C-alpha atoms as a PDB file:
ATOM      1  CA  MET A   1      -0.078  -0.086  -0.328  1.00  0.00           C
ATOM      2  CA  SER A   2       1.136   3.508  -0.780  1.00  0.00           C
ATOM      3  CA  ASN A   3       1.375   6.437   1.377  1.00  0.00           C
ATOM      4  CA  THR A   4      -1.704   8.174  -0.296  1.00  0.00           C
ATOM      5  CA  ASP A   5      -3.906   5.228   0.187  1.00  0.00           C
ATOM      6  CA  LYS A   6      -3.265   4.972   3.923  1.00  0.00           C
ATOM      7  CA  ILE A   7      -3.862   8.814   4.206  1.00  0.00           C
ATOM      8  CA  LYS A   8      -7.189   8.406   2.253  1.00  0.00           C
ATOM      9  CA  ALA A   9      -8.300   5.507   4.582  1.00  0.00           C
ATOM     10  CA  ILE A  10      -7.601   7.223   7.848  1.00  0.00           C
ATOM     11  CA  GLY A  11      -9.477  10.358   6.234  1.00  0.00           C
ATOM     12  CA  THR A  12     -12.436   8.297   5.778  1.00  0.00           C
ATOM     13  CA  SER A  13     -12.179   6.485   8.807  1.00  0.00           C
ATOM     14  CA  ASN A  14     -12.050   9.769  10.912  1.00  0.00           C
ATOM     15  CA  ARG A  15     -14.908  11.316   8.952  1.00  0.00           C
ATOM     16  CA  SER A  16     -17.072   8.254   9.754  1.00  0.00           C
ATOM     17  CA  VAL A  17     -16.252   8.090  13.293  1.00  0.00           C
ATOM     18  CA  VAL A  18     -17.064  12.028  13.713  1.00  0.00           C
ATOM     19  CA  LEU A  19     -20.393  11.434  11.968  1.00  0.00           C
ATOM     20  CA  ILE A  20     -21.235   8.570  14.240  1.00  0.00           C
ATOM     21  CA  VAL A  21     -20.393  10.397  17.362  1.00  0.00           C
ATOM     22  CA  ALA A  22     -22.321  13.354  16.155  1.00  0.00           C
ATOM     23  CA  LEU A  23     -25.485  11.311  15.436  1.00  0.00           C
ATOM     24  CA  ALA A  24     -25.088   9.624  18.865  1.00  0.00           C
ATOM     25  CA  VAL A  25     -24.854  13.274  20.339  1.00  0.00           C
ATOM     26  CA  MET A  26     -27.890  14.331  18.466  1.00  0.00           C
ATOM     27  CA  SER A  27     -30.091  11.243  19.344  1.00  0.00           C
ATOM     28  CA  LEU A  28     -29.088  11.437  23.052  1.00  0.00           C
ATOM     29  CA  ALA A  29     -30.102  15.071  23.207  1.00  0.00           C
ATOM     30  CA  LEU A  30     -33.407  14.277  21.411  1.00  0.00           C
ATOM     31  CA  LEU A  31     -33.909  11.261  23.812  1.00  0.00           C
ATOM     32  CA  CYS A  32     -33.290  13.756  26.925  1.00  0.00           C
ATOM     33  CA  MET A  33     -35.792  16.224  25.339  1.00  0.00           C
ATOM     34  CA  LEU A  34     -38.368  13.738  24.614  1.00  0.00           C
ATOM     35  CA  PRO A  35     -39.596  13.589  28.429  1.00  0.00           C
ATOM     36  CA  LEU A  36     -40.001  17.250  28.536  1.00  0.00           C
ATOM     37  CA  TYR A  37     -41.891  17.685  25.294  1.00  0.00           C
ATOM     38  CA  MET A  38     -44.221  14.917  26.347  1.00  0.00           C
ATOM     39  CA  GLN A  39     -45.031  16.568  29.833  1.00  0.00           C
ATOM     40  CA  ASN A  40     -45.530  20.016  28.056  1.00  0.00           C
ATOM     41  CA  ARG A  41     -47.983  18.297  25.560  1.00  0.00           C
ATOM     42  CA  ILE A  42     -49.970  16.346  28.414  1.00  0.00           C
ATOM     43  CA  ASN A  43     -50.036  19.700  30.233  1.00  0.00           C
ATOM     44  CA  SER A  44     -51.480  21.622  27.222  1.00  0.00           C
ATOM     45  CA  LEU A  45     -54.217  18.749  26.681  1.00  0.00           C
ATOM     46  CA  TYR A  46     -55.121  18.854  30.495  1.00  0.00           C
ATOM     47  CA  GLU A  47     -55.604  22.627  30.045  1.00  0.00           C
ATOM     48  CA  GLU A  48     -57.671  22.275  27.051  1.00  0.00           C
ATOM     49  CA  SER A  49     -59.919  19.610  28.631  1.00  0.00           C
ATOM     50  CA  HIS A  50     -60.319  21.815  31.713  1.00  0.00           C
ATOM     51  CA  GLY A  51     -61.362  24.747  29.529  1.00  0.00           C
ATOM     52  CA  LEU A  52     -63.612  22.455  27.570  1.00  0.00           C
ATOM     53  CA  GLN A  53     -65.291  21.020  30.875  1.00  0.00           C
ATOM     54  CA  VAL A  54     -65.811  24.478  32.067  1.00  0.00           C
ATOM     55  CA  GLU A  55     -67.639  25.358  28.959  1.00  0.00           C
ATOM     56  CA  ILE A  56     -69.857  22.173  29.201  1.00  0.00           C
ATOM     57  CA  ALA A  57     -70.780  23.269  32.737  1.00  0.00           C
ATOM     58  CA  PHE A  58     -71.925  26.459  31.584  1.00  0.00           C
ATOM     59  CA  LEU A  59     -73.833  25.149  28.879  1.00  0.00           C
ATOM     60  CA  LYS A  60     -75.701  22.788  30.939  1.00  0.00           C
ATOM     61  CA  HIS A  61     -76.324  25.415  33.201  1.00  0.00           C
ATOM     62  CA  ASP A  62     -77.970  27.513  30.459  1.00  0.00           C
ATOM     63  CA  ALA A  63     -79.986  24.589  29.489  1.00  0.00           C
ATOM     64  CA  LEU A  64     -81.223  24.068  32.651  1.00  0.00           C
ATOM     65  CA  ALA A  65     -82.074  27.950  33.017  1.00  0.00           C
ATOM     66  CA  LEU A  66     -84.014  27.833  29.740  1.00  0.00           C
ATOM     67  CA  GLU A  67     -85.665  24.572  30.615  1.00  0.00           C
ATOM     68  CA  LEU A  68     -86.950  26.196  34.184  1.00  0.00           C
ATOM     69  CA  ARG A  69     -87.934  29.360  32.166  1.00  0.00           C
ATOM     70  CA  ILE A  70     -90.188  27.115  29.904  1.00  0.00           C
ATOM     71  CA  ASN A  71     -91.582  25.462  32.786  1.00  0.00           C
ATOM     72  CA  GLN A  72     -92.575  28.606  34.395  1.00  0.00           C
ATOM     73  CA  LEU A  73     -93.908  30.199  31.177  1.00  0.00           C
ATOM     74  CA  SER A  74     -96.004  26.793  30.469  1.00  0.00           C
ATOM     75  CA  SER A  75     -97.307  26.586  34.036  1.00  0.00           C
ATOM     76  CA  LEU A  76    -101.302  26.887  34.064  1.00  0.00           C
ATOM     77  CA  GLU A  77    -101.241  29.793  36.765  1.00  0.00           C
ATOM     78  CA  LYS A  78     -99.021  31.977  34.292  1.00  0.00           C
ATOM     79  CA  LEU A  79    -101.344  30.913  31.152  1.00  0.00           C
ATOM     80  CA  SER A  80    -104.225  31.775  33.579  1.00  0.00           C
ATOM     81  CA  LYS A  81    -103.024  35.317  34.292  1.00  0.00           C
ATOM     82  CA  PHE A  82    -101.798  35.611  30.619  1.00  0.00           C
ATOM     83  CA  ALA A  83    -105.524  34.707  29.426  1.00  0.00           C
ATOM     84  CA  ASP A  84    -107.212  37.148  32.145  1.00  0.00           C
ATOM     85  CA  SER A  85    -104.759  40.116  31.037  1.00  0.00           C
ATOM     86  CA  VAL A  86    -105.510  39.752  27.357  1.00  0.00           C
ATOM     87  CA  GLY A  87    -109.443  38.920  27.941  1.00  0.00           C
ATOM     88  CA  LEU A  88    -109.814  35.394  27.169  1.00  0.00           C
ATOM     89  CA  GLY A  89    -111.219  34.174  30.266  1.00  0.00           C
ATOM     90  CA  LEU A  90    -109.453  30.876  30.401  1.00  0.00           C
ATOM     91  CA  ASN A  91    -111.625  29.586  33.272  1.00  0.00           C
ATOM     92  CA  GLY A  92    -114.798  31.404  32.204  1.00  0.00           C
ATOM     93  CA  LEU A  93    -117.470  30.110  30.129  1.00  0.00           C
ATOM     94  CA  PRO A  94    -116.955  30.280  26.356  1.00  0.00           C
ATOM     95  CA  GLN A  95    -118.541  32.931  24.346  1.00  0.00           C
ATOM     96  CA  LYS A  96    -119.945  32.849  21.130  1.00  0.00           C
ATOM     97  CA  VAL A  97    -118.135  34.893  18.569  1.00  0.00           C
ATOM     98  CA  MET A  98    -120.044  34.373  15.707  1.00  0.00           C
ATOM     99  CA  PRO A  99    -123.602  32.687  15.416  1.00  0.00           C
ATOM    100  CA  ILE A 100    -123.877  29.654  13.431  1.00  0.00           C
ATOM    101  CA  GLY A 101    -126.932  28.338  11.847  1.00  0.00           C
ATOM    102  CA  GLY A 102    -130.460  29.020  13.390  1.00  0.00           C
ATOM    103  CA  SER A 103    -132.516  31.856  13.109  1.00  0.00           C
ATOM    104  CA  ARG A 104    -131.819  35.506  14.112  1.00  0.00           C
END
């Protein structure tokens, strides 16, 4: 083997060793950062979940308030008061509005 072949072989060998070491260092750094990334991701998911639970609670409260309001408005007492105020006389005798048939 000549001297130039030995130099090329050493250079190639050094280059590959440096590449392997650099890849090992980068992979080690990524493996060290992975738990931190996962923890941050889980925390953001928990925060989003909590926000959605709060929104669900508010929506359920609004639905219950609307249901209560519907029940109040549809109660017979409320309808009776409304009929009296308008003059329908819900509990009174029916009145003829227009005579039907028969003689006048």
